[in-house]
Amino acid sequence: MAADLLLSLLRSLVEVAGFFLLGQGVLYLLAGPTRDRNNIYQLFCVVTKPVVSGVRWLMPRVIIDRHIPAVSFFLLFWLWIALAYVRRLI
């Protein structure tokens, strides 16, 4: 029972981080070069910074910094799928 609750909590956190990264990506495309002055984009950057920083630390330096948010999103997606699978097994 406690494991199910913990997995649900972790999955929810991964889901929220993924949605923030997705929103940041959409706003990146919509706002264009003025995105750094957009308050919502700045909020998304603050919320996703721990995830992006962690993925930057994990990934080799061959991957350029511009691609790290996309890599972060796909890693979160696969982590979300893995947590759903583990939760189903329990």
PDB file of N, CA and C in Angstrom:
ATOM      1  N   MET A   1       0.814  -1.190   0.000  1.00  0.00           N
ATOM      2  CA  MET A   1       0.000   0.000   0.000  1.00  0.00           C
ATOM      3  C   MET A   1       0.861   1.259   0.000  1.00  0.00           C
ATOM      4  N   ALA A   2       1.898   1.280   0.830  1.00  0.00           N
ATOM      5  CA  ALA A   2       2.785   2.445   0.884  1.00  0.00           C
ATOM      6  C   ALA A   2       3.595   2.555  -0.402  1.00  0.00           C
ATOM      7  N   ALA A   3       3.969   1.405  -0.973  1.00  0.00           N
ATOM      8  CA  ALA A   3       4.725   1.425  -2.220  1.00  0.00           C
ATOM      9  C   ALA A   3       3.870   1.979  -3.352  1.00  0.00           C
ATOM     10  N   ASP A   4       2.597   1.626  -3.353  1.00  0.00           N
ATOM     11  CA  ASP A   4       1.689   2.137  -4.382  1.00  0.00           C
ATOM     12  C   ASP A   4       1.536   3.655  -4.276  1.00  0.00           C
ATOM     13  N   LEU A   5       1.436   4.132  -3.054  1.00  0.00           N
ATOM     14  CA  LEU A   5       1.329   5.576  -2.838  1.00  0.00           C
ATOM     15  C   LEU A   5       2.603   6.291  -3.270  1.00  0.00           C
ATOM     16  N   LEU A   6       3.754   5.729  -2.936  1.00  0.00           N
ATOM     17  CA  LEU A   6       5.034   6.319  -3.319  1.00  0.00           C
ATOM     18  C   LEU A   6       5.189   6.345  -4.836  1.00  0.00           C
ATOM     19  N   LEU A   7       4.821   5.250  -5.494  1.00  0.00           N
ATOM     20  CA  LEU A   7       4.901   5.215  -6.956  1.00  0.00           C
ATOM     21  C   LEU A   7       3.949   6.216  -7.593  1.00  0.00           C
ATOM     22  N   SER A   8       2.775   6.356  -7.035  1.00  0.00           N
ATOM     23  CA  SER A   8       1.823   7.342  -7.559  1.00  0.00           C
ATOM     24  C   SER A   8       2.356   8.765  -7.398  1.00  0.00           C
ATOM     25  N   LEU A   9       2.975   9.024  -6.255  1.00  0.00           N
ATOM     26  CA  LEU A   9       3.551  10.338  -6.005  1.00  0.00           C
ATOM     27  C   LEU A   9       4.698  10.633  -6.964  1.00  0.00           C
ATOM     28  N   LEU A  10       5.593   9.676  -7.136  1.00  0.00           N
ATOM     29  CA  LEU A  10       6.711   9.856  -8.066  1.00  0.00           C
ATOM     30  C   LEU A  10       6.226  10.043  -9.499  1.00  0.00           C
ATOM     31  N   ARG A  11       5.243   9.260  -9.880  1.00  0.00           N
ATOM     32  CA  ARG A  11       4.697   9.368 -11.230  1.00  0.00           C
ATOM     33  C   ARG A  11       4.042  10.732 -11.436  1.00  0.00           C
ATOM     34  N   SER A  12       3.367  11.245 -10.439  1.00  0.00           N
ATOM     35  CA  SER A  12       2.744  12.561 -10.535  1.00  0.00           C
ATOM     36  C   SER A  12       3.794  13.662 -10.676  1.00  0.00           C
ATOM     37  N   LEU A  13       4.876  13.560  -9.900  1.00  0.00           N
ATOM     38  CA  LEU A  13       5.948  14.550 -10.009  1.00  0.00           C
ATOM     39  C   LEU A  13       6.607  14.524 -11.382  1.00  0.00           C
ATOM     40  N   VAL A  14       6.826  13.332 -11.903  1.00  0.00           N
ATOM     41  CA  VAL A  14       7.404  13.203 -13.245  1.00  0.00           C
ATOM     42  C   VAL A  14       6.449  13.782 -14.283  1.00  0.00           C
ATOM     43  N   GLU A  15       5.166  13.541 -14.095  1.00  0.00           N
ATOM     44  CA  GLU A  15       4.156  14.046 -15.025  1.00  0.00           C
ATOM     45  C   GLU A  15       4.113  15.577 -15.018  1.00  0.00           C
ATOM     46  N   VAL A  16       4.151  16.174 -13.850  1.00  0.00           N
ATOM     47  CA  VAL A  16       4.127  17.638 -13.746  1.00  0.00           C
ATOM     48  C   VAL A  16       5.374  18.232 -14.390  1.00  0.00           C
ATOM     49  N   ALA A  17       6.538  17.656 -14.109  1.00  0.00           N
ATOM     50  CA  ALA A  17       7.783  18.151 -14.711  1.00  0.00           C
ATOM     51  C   ALA A  17       7.736  18.012 -16.234  1.00  0.00           C
ATOM     52  N   GLY A  18       7.184  16.912 -16.716  1.00  0.00           N
ATOM     53  CA  GLY A  18       7.059  16.717 -18.159  1.00  0.00           C
ATOM     54  C   GLY A  18       6.135  17.730 -18.803  1.00  0.00           C
ATOM     55  N   PHE A  19       5.021  18.022 -18.140  1.00  0.00           N
ATOM     56  CA  PHE A  19       4.106  19.021 -18.688  1.00  0.00           C
ATOM     57  C   PHE A  19       4.723  20.412 -18.688  1.00  0.00           C
ATOM     58  N   PHE A  20       5.503  20.725 -17.663  1.00  0.00           N
ATOM     59  CA  PHE A  20       6.187  22.022 -17.655  1.00  0.00           C
ATOM     60  C   PHE A  20       7.220  22.104 -18.776  1.00  0.00           C
ATOM     61  N   LEU A  21       7.949  21.017 -19.013  1.00  0.00           N
ATOM     62  CA  LEU A  21       8.907  21.013 -20.119  1.00  0.00           C
ATOM     63  C   LEU A  21       8.197  21.128 -21.465  1.00  0.00           C
ATOM     64  N   LEU A  22       7.066  20.455 -21.594  1.00  0.00           N
ATOM     65  CA  LEU A  22       6.286  20.553 -22.823  1.00  0.00           C
ATOM     66  C   LEU A  22       5.777  21.972 -23.027  1.00  0.00           C
ATOM     67  N   GLY A  23       5.266  22.593 -21.981  1.00  0.00           N
ATOM     68  CA  GLY A  23       4.808  23.972 -22.066  1.00  0.00           C
ATOM     69  C   GLY A  23       5.938  24.927 -22.387  1.00  0.00           C
ATOM     70  N   GLN A  24       7.099  24.684 -21.815  1.00  0.00           N
ATOM     71  CA  GLN A  24       8.255  25.526 -22.110  1.00  0.00           C
ATOM     72  C   GLN A  24       8.648  25.389 -23.576  1.00  0.00           C
ATOM     73  N   GLY A  25       8.587  24.188 -24.101  1.00  0.00           N
ATOM     74  CA  GLY A  25       8.916  23.979 -25.514  1.00  0.00           C
ATOM     75  C   GLY A  25       7.930  24.663 -26.445  1.00  0.00           C
ATOM     76  N   VAL A  26       6.649  24.577 -26.124  1.00  0.00           N
ATOM     77  CA  VAL A  26       5.637  25.239 -26.960  1.00  0.00           C
ATOM     78  C   VAL A  26       5.817  26.749 -26.907  1.00  0.00           C
ATOM     79  N   LEU A  27       6.054  27.271 -25.727  1.00  0.00           N
ATOM     80  CA  LEU A  27       6.266  28.712 -25.588  1.00  0.00           C
ATOM     81  C   LEU A  27       7.562  29.147 -26.255  1.00  0.00           C
ATOM     82  N   TYR A  28       8.562  28.281 -26.272  1.00  0.00           N
ATOM     83  CA  TYR A  28       9.814  28.558 -26.974  1.00  0.00           C
ATOM     84  C   TYR A  28       9.534  28.795 -28.456  1.00  0.00           C
ATOM     85  N   LEU A  29       8.663  27.972 -29.011  1.00  0.00           N
ATOM     86  CA  LEU A  29       8.324  28.114 -30.429  1.00  0.00           C
ATOM     87  C   LEU A  29       7.430  29.319 -30.693  1.00  0.00           C
ATOM     88  N   LEU A  30       6.478  29.568 -29.807  1.00  0.00           N
ATOM     89  CA  LEU A  30       5.520  30.651 -30.035  1.00  0.00           C
ATOM     90  C   LEU A  30       6.092  32.041 -29.767  1.00  0.00           C
ATOM     91  N   ALA A  31       6.892  32.165 -28.729  1.00  0.00           N
ATOM     92  CA  ALA A  31       7.377  33.489 -28.327  1.00  0.00           C
ATOM     93  C   ALA A  31       8.545  33.964 -29.174  1.00  0.00           C
ATOM     94  N   GLY A  32       9.282  33.051 -29.763  1.00  0.00           N
ATOM     95  CA  GLY A  32      10.402  33.445 -30.607  1.00  0.00           C
ATOM     96  C   GLY A  32      11.530  34.068 -29.806  1.00  0.00           C
ATOM     97  N   PRO A  33      12.229  35.034 -30.413  1.00  0.00           N
ATOM     98  CA  PRO A  33      13.399  35.613 -29.746  1.00  0.00           C
ATOM     99  C   PRO A  33      13.065  36.441 -28.504  1.00  0.00           C
ATOM    100  N   THR A  34      11.821  36.828 -28.328  1.00  0.00           N
ATOM    101  CA  THR A  34      11.445  37.641 -27.164  1.00  0.00           C
ATOM    102  C   THR A  34      11.039  36.782 -25.967  1.00  0.00           C
ATOM    103  N   ARG A  35      11.287  35.490 -26.020  1.00  0.00           N
ATOM    104  CA  ARG A  35      10.839  34.587 -24.958  1.00  0.00           C
ATOM    105  C   ARG A  35      11.503  34.887 -23.622  1.00  0.00           C
ATOM    106  N   ASP A  36      12.710  35.429 -23.630  1.00  0.00           N
ATOM    107  CA  ASP A  36      13.394  35.710 -22.364  1.00  0.00           C
ATOM    108  C   ASP A  36      12.723  36.822 -21.573  1.00  0.00           C
ATOM    109  N   ARG A  37      11.906  37.628 -22.222  1.00  0.00           N
ATOM    110  CA  ARG A  37      11.163  38.686 -21.529  1.00  0.00           C
ATOM    111  C   ARG A  37       9.771  38.224 -21.115  1.00  0.00           C
ATOM    112  N   ASN A  38       9.383  37.020 -21.513  1.00  0.00           N
ATOM    113  CA  ASN A  38       8.060  36.490 -21.198  1.00  0.00           C
ATOM    114  C   ASN A  38       8.076  35.920 -19.777  1.00  0.00           C
ATOM    115  N   ASN A  39       7.183  36.409 -18.921  1.00  0.00           N
ATOM    116  CA  ASN A  39       7.146  35.974 -17.521  1.00  0.00           C
ATOM    117  C   ASN A  39       6.790  34.493 -17.368  1.00  0.00           C
ATOM    118  N   ILE A  40       5.891  34.016 -18.189  1.00  0.00           N
ATOM    119  CA  ILE A  40       5.497  32.606 -18.105  1.00  0.00           C
ATOM    120  C   ILE A  40       6.660  31.706 -18.510  1.00  0.00           C
ATOM    121  N   TYR A  41       7.376  32.093 -19.554  1.00  0.00           N
ATOM    122  CA  TYR A  41       8.547  31.318 -19.978  1.00  0.00           C
ATOM    123  C   TYR A  41       9.602  31.298 -18.871  1.00  0.00           C
ATOM    124  N   GLN A  42       9.794  32.416 -18.205  1.00  0.00           N
ATOM    125  CA  GLN A  42      10.751  32.478 -17.095  1.00  0.00           C
ATOM    126  C   GLN A  42      10.308  31.576 -15.946  1.00  0.00           C
ATOM    127  N   LEU A  43       9.005  31.533 -15.681  1.00  0.00           N
ATOM    128  CA  LEU A  43       8.477  30.634 -14.653  1.00  0.00           C
ATOM    129  C   LEU A  43       8.742  29.174 -15.025  1.00  0.00           C
ATOM    130  N   PHE A  44       8.485  28.828 -16.281  1.00  0.00           N
ATOM    131  CA  PHE A  44       8.751  27.466 -16.746  1.00  0.00           C
ATOM    132  C   PHE A  44      10.231  27.123 -16.608  1.00  0.00           C
ATOM    133  N   CYS A  45      11.104  28.071 -16.903  1.00  0.00           N
ATOM    134  CA  CYS A  45      12.548  27.838 -16.773  1.00  0.00           C
ATOM    135  C   CYS A  45      12.937  27.578 -15.315  1.00  0.00           C
ATOM    136  N   VAL A  46      12.337  28.317 -14.400  1.00  0.00           N
ATOM    137  CA  VAL A  46      12.644  28.134 -12.978  1.00  0.00           C
ATOM    138  C   VAL A  46      12.171  26.761 -12.502  1.00  0.00           C
ATOM    139  N   VAL A  47      10.980  26.362 -12.922  1.00  0.00           N
ATOM    140  CA  VAL A  47      10.414  25.085 -12.468  1.00  0.00           C
ATOM    141  C   VAL A  47      11.179  23.898 -13.070  1.00  0.00           C
ATOM    142  N   THR A  48      11.605  24.012 -14.318  1.00  0.00           N
ATOM    143  CA  THR A  48      12.268  22.887 -14.982  1.00  0.00           C
ATOM    144  C   THR A  48      13.777  22.871 -14.789  1.00  0.00           C
ATOM    145  N   LYS A  49      14.338  23.893 -14.169  1.00  0.00           N
ATOM    146  CA  LYS A  49      15.792  23.965 -14.003  1.00  0.00           C
ATOM    147  C   LYS A  49      16.383  22.766 -13.268  1.00  0.00           C
ATOM    148  N   PRO A  50      15.773  22.265 -12.174  1.00  0.00           N
ATOM    149  CA  PRO A  50      16.367  21.089 -11.508  1.00  0.00           C
ATOM    150  C   PRO A  50      16.426  19.854 -12.415  1.00  0.00           C
ATOM    151  N   VAL A  51      15.391  19.641 -13.208  1.00  0.00           N
ATOM    152  CA  VAL A  51      15.362  18.482 -14.103  1.00  0.00           C
ATOM    153  C   VAL A  51      16.415  18.640 -15.192  1.00  0.00           C
ATOM    154  N   VAL A  52      16.451  19.803 -15.812  1.00  0.00           N
ATOM    155  CA  VAL A  52      17.391  20.048 -16.904  1.00  0.00           C
ATOM    156  C   VAL A  52      18.827  19.998 -16.386  1.00  0.00           C
ATOM    157  N   SER A  53      19.074  20.546 -15.212  1.00  0.00           N
ATOM    158  CA  SER A  53      20.426  20.504 -14.622  1.00  0.00           C
ATOM    159  C   SER A  53      20.846  19.073 -14.306  1.00  0.00           C
ATOM    160  N   GLY A  54      19.917  18.283 -13.790  1.00  0.00           N
ATOM    161  CA  GLY A  54      20.223  16.887 -13.503  1.00  0.00           C
ATOM    162  C   GLY A  54      20.540  16.086 -14.750  1.00  0.00           C
ATOM    163  N   VAL A  55      19.783  16.323 -15.802  1.00  0.00           N
ATOM    164  CA  VAL A  55      20.034  15.615 -17.060  1.00  0.00           C
ATOM    165  C   VAL A  55      21.351  16.087 -17.666  1.00  0.00           C
ATOM    166  N   ARG A  56      21.660  17.376 -17.551  1.00  0.00           N
ATOM    167  CA  ARG A  56      22.950  17.885 -18.056  1.00  0.00           C
ATOM    168  C   ARG A  56      24.097  17.192 -17.336  1.00  0.00           C
ATOM    169  N   TRP A  57      23.937  16.956 -16.026  1.00  0.00           N
ATOM    170  CA  TRP A  57      24.964  16.294 -15.256  1.00  0.00           C
ATOM    171  C   TRP A  57      25.130  14.830 -15.686  1.00  0.00           C
ATOM    172  N   LEU A  58      24.014  14.170 -16.046  1.00  0.00           N
ATOM    173  CA  LEU A  58      24.053  12.762 -16.441  1.00  0.00           C
ATOM    174  C   LEU A  58      24.595  12.540 -17.848  1.00  0.00           C
ATOM    175  N   MET A  59      24.283  13.441 -18.750  1.00  0.00           N
ATOM    176  CA  MET A  59      24.624  13.261 -20.159  1.00  0.00           C
ATOM    177  C   MET A  59      26.084  13.624 -20.434  1.00  0.00           C
ATOM    178  N   PRO A  60      26.669  12.968 -21.430  1.00  0.00           N
ATOM    179  CA  PRO A  60      28.039  13.333 -21.801  1.00  0.00           C
ATOM    180  C   PRO A  60      28.086  14.715 -22.447  1.00  0.00           C
ATOM    181  N   ARG A  61      29.249  15.328 -22.424  1.00  0.00           N
ATOM    182  CA  ARG A  61      29.412  16.688 -22.961  1.00  0.00           C
ATOM    183  C   ARG A  61      29.251  16.743 -24.483  1.00  0.00           C
ATOM    184  N   VAL A  62      29.201  15.597 -25.129  1.00  0.00           N
ATOM    185  CA  VAL A  62      29.005  15.564 -26.584  1.00  0.00           C
ATOM    186  C   VAL A  62      27.637  16.139 -26.949  1.00  0.00           C
ATOM    187  N   ILE A  63      26.657  15.939 -26.084  1.00  0.00           N
ATOM    188  CA  ILE A  63      25.319  16.474 -26.309  1.00  0.00           C
ATOM    189  C   ILE A  63      25.341  17.961 -25.968  1.00  0.00           C
ATOM    190  N   ILE A  64      24.960  18.785 -26.938  1.00  0.00           N
ATOM    191  CA  ILE A  64      25.031  20.228 -26.725  1.00  0.00           C
ATOM    192  C   ILE A  64      23.899  20.684 -25.805  1.00  0.00           C
ATOM    193  N   ASP A  65      24.134  21.804 -25.132  1.00  0.00           N
ATOM    194  CA  ASP A  65      23.189  22.316 -24.139  1.00  0.00           C
ATOM    195  C   ASP A  65      21.818  22.623 -24.728  1.00  0.00           C
ATOM    196  N   ARG A  66      21.758  22.981 -25.968  1.00  0.00           N
ATOM    197  CA  ARG A  66      20.483  23.317 -26.602  1.00  0.00           C
ATOM    198  C   ARG A  66      19.547  22.107 -26.685  1.00  0.00           C
ATOM    199  N   HIS A  67      20.121  20.909 -26.708  1.00  0.00           N
ATOM    200  CA  HIS A  67      19.305  19.689 -26.827  1.00  0.00           C
ATOM    201  C   HIS A  67      18.913  19.086 -25.484  1.00  0.00           C
ATOM    202  N   ILE A  68      19.479  19.564 -24.411  1.00  0.00           N
ATOM    203  CA  ILE A  68      19.238  18.981 -23.088  1.00  0.00           C
ATOM    204  C   ILE A  68      17.768  19.041 -22.665  1.00  0.00           C
ATOM    205  N   PRO A  69      17.018  20.151 -22.896  1.00  0.00           N
ATOM    206  CA  PRO A  69      15.597  20.117 -22.521  1.00  0.00           C
ATOM    207  C   PRO A  69      14.797  19.036 -23.255  1.00  0.00           C
ATOM    208  N   ALA A  70      15.095  18.796 -24.523  1.00  0.00           N
ATOM    209  CA  ALA A  70      14.398  17.743 -25.264  1.00  0.00           C
ATOM    210  C   ALA A  70      14.765  16.368 -24.717  1.00  0.00           C
ATOM    211  N   VAL A  71      16.037  16.165 -24.417  1.00  0.00           N
ATOM    212  CA  VAL A  71      16.478  14.897 -23.818  1.00  0.00           C
ATOM    213  C   VAL A  71      15.805  14.711 -22.463  1.00  0.00           C
ATOM    214  N   SER A  72      15.701  15.798 -21.702  1.00  0.00           N
ATOM    215  CA  SER A  72      15.036  15.741 -20.399  1.00  0.00           C
ATOM    216  C   SER A  72      13.586  15.298 -20.540  1.00  0.00           C
ATOM    217  N   PHE A  73      12.893  15.866 -21.525  1.00  0.00           N
ATOM    218  CA  PHE A  73      11.493  15.505 -21.733  1.00  0.00           C
ATOM    219  C   PHE A  73      11.354  14.025 -22.064  1.00  0.00           C
ATOM    220  N   PHE A  74      12.190  13.521 -22.967  1.00  0.00           N
ATOM    221  CA  PHE A  74      12.076  12.116 -23.349  1.00  0.00           C
ATOM    222  C   PHE A  74      12.498  11.174 -22.218  1.00  0.00           C
ATOM    223  N   LEU A  75      13.471  11.578 -21.414  1.00  0.00           N
ATOM    224  CA  LEU A  75      13.815  10.759 -20.248  1.00  0.00           C
ATOM    225  C   LEU A  75      12.675  10.738 -19.227  1.00  0.00           C
ATOM    226  N   LEU A  76      12.043  11.884 -19.017  1.00  0.00           N
ATOM    227  CA  LEU A  76      10.886  11.923 -18.122  1.00  0.00           C
ATOM    228  C   LEU A  76       9.740  11.075 -18.657  1.00  0.00           C
ATOM    229  N   PHE A  77       9.541  11.118 -19.959  1.00  0.00           N
ATOM    230  CA  PHE A  77       8.483  10.307 -20.564  1.00  0.00           C
ATOM    231  C   PHE A  77       8.722   8.826 -20.310  1.00  0.00           C
ATOM    232  N   TRP A  78       9.948   8.354 -20.532  1.00  0.00           N
ATOM    233  CA  TRP A  78      10.241   6.938 -20.337  1.00  0.00           C
ATOM    234  C   TRP A  78      10.240   6.563 -18.861  1.00  0.00           C
ATOM    235  N   LEU A  79      10.625   7.491 -18.006  1.00  0.00           N
ATOM    236  CA  LEU A  79      10.526   7.246 -16.566  1.00  0.00           C
ATOM    237  C   LEU A  79       9.067   7.130 -16.146  1.00  0.00           C
ATOM    238  N   TRP A  80       8.209   7.960 -16.722  1.00  0.00           N
ATOM    239  CA  TRP A  80       6.774   7.903 -16.442  1.00  0.00           C
ATOM    240  C   TRP A  80       6.201   6.553 -16.863  1.00  0.00           C
ATOM    241  N   ILE A  81       6.602   6.077 -18.042  1.00  0.00           N
ATOM    242  CA  ILE A  81       6.150   4.761 -18.528  1.00  0.00           C
ATOM    243  C   ILE A  81       6.666   3.650 -17.606  1.00  0.00           C
ATOM    244  N   ALA A  82       7.934   3.731 -17.208  1.00  0.00           N
ATOM    245  CA  ALA A  82       8.513   2.704 -16.336  1.00  0.00           C
ATOM    246  C   ALA A  82       7.811   2.679 -14.979  1.00  0.00           C
ATOM    247  N   LEU A  83       7.503   3.851 -14.428  1.00  0.00           N
ATOM    248  CA  LEU A  83       6.796   3.893 -13.141  1.00  0.00           C
ATOM    249  C   LEU A  83       5.383   3.323 -13.272  1.00  0.00           C
ATOM    250  N   ALA A  84       4.734   3.555 -14.395  1.00  0.00           N
ATOM    251  CA  ALA A  84       3.406   2.972 -14.617  1.00  0.00           C
ATOM    252  C   ALA A  84       3.503   1.450 -14.685  1.00  0.00           C
ATOM    253  N   TYR A  85       4.536   0.938 -15.328  1.00  0.00           N
ATOM    254  CA  TYR A  85       4.728  -0.499 -15.438  1.00  0.00           C
ATOM    255  C   TYR A  85       5.000  -1.117 -14.066  1.00  0.00           C
ATOM    256  N   VAL A  86       5.866  -0.481 -13.293  1.00  0.00           N
ATOM    257  CA  VAL A  86       6.188  -1.005 -11.959  1.00  0.00           C
ATOM    258  C   VAL A  86       4.947  -0.943 -11.063  1.00  0.00           C
ATOM    259  N   ARG A  87       4.182   0.113 -11.172  1.00  0.00           N
ATOM    260  CA  ARG A  87       2.963   0.232 -10.366  1.00  0.00           C
ATOM    261  C   ARG A  87       1.964  -0.868 -10.733  1.00  0.00           C
ATOM    262  N   ARG A  88       1.898  -1.183 -12.002  1.00  0.00           N
ATOM    263  CA  ARG A  88       0.983  -2.251 -12.451  1.00  0.00           C
ATOM    264  C   ARG A  88       1.448  -3.618 -11.927  1.00  0.00           C
ATOM    265  N   LEU A  89       2.755  -3.811 -11.820  1.00  0.00           N
ATOM    266  CA  LEU A  89       3.277  -5.076 -11.316  1.00  0.00           C
ATOM    267  C   LEU A  89       2.992  -5.259  -9.823  1.00  0.00           C
ATOM    268  N   ILE A  90       2.915  -4.141  -9.111  1.00  0.00           N
ATOM    269  CA  ILE A  90       2.714  -4.236  -7.650  1.00  0.00           C
ATOM    270  C   ILE A  90       1.291  -4.514  -7.302  1.00  0.00           C
TER     271      ILE A  90
END
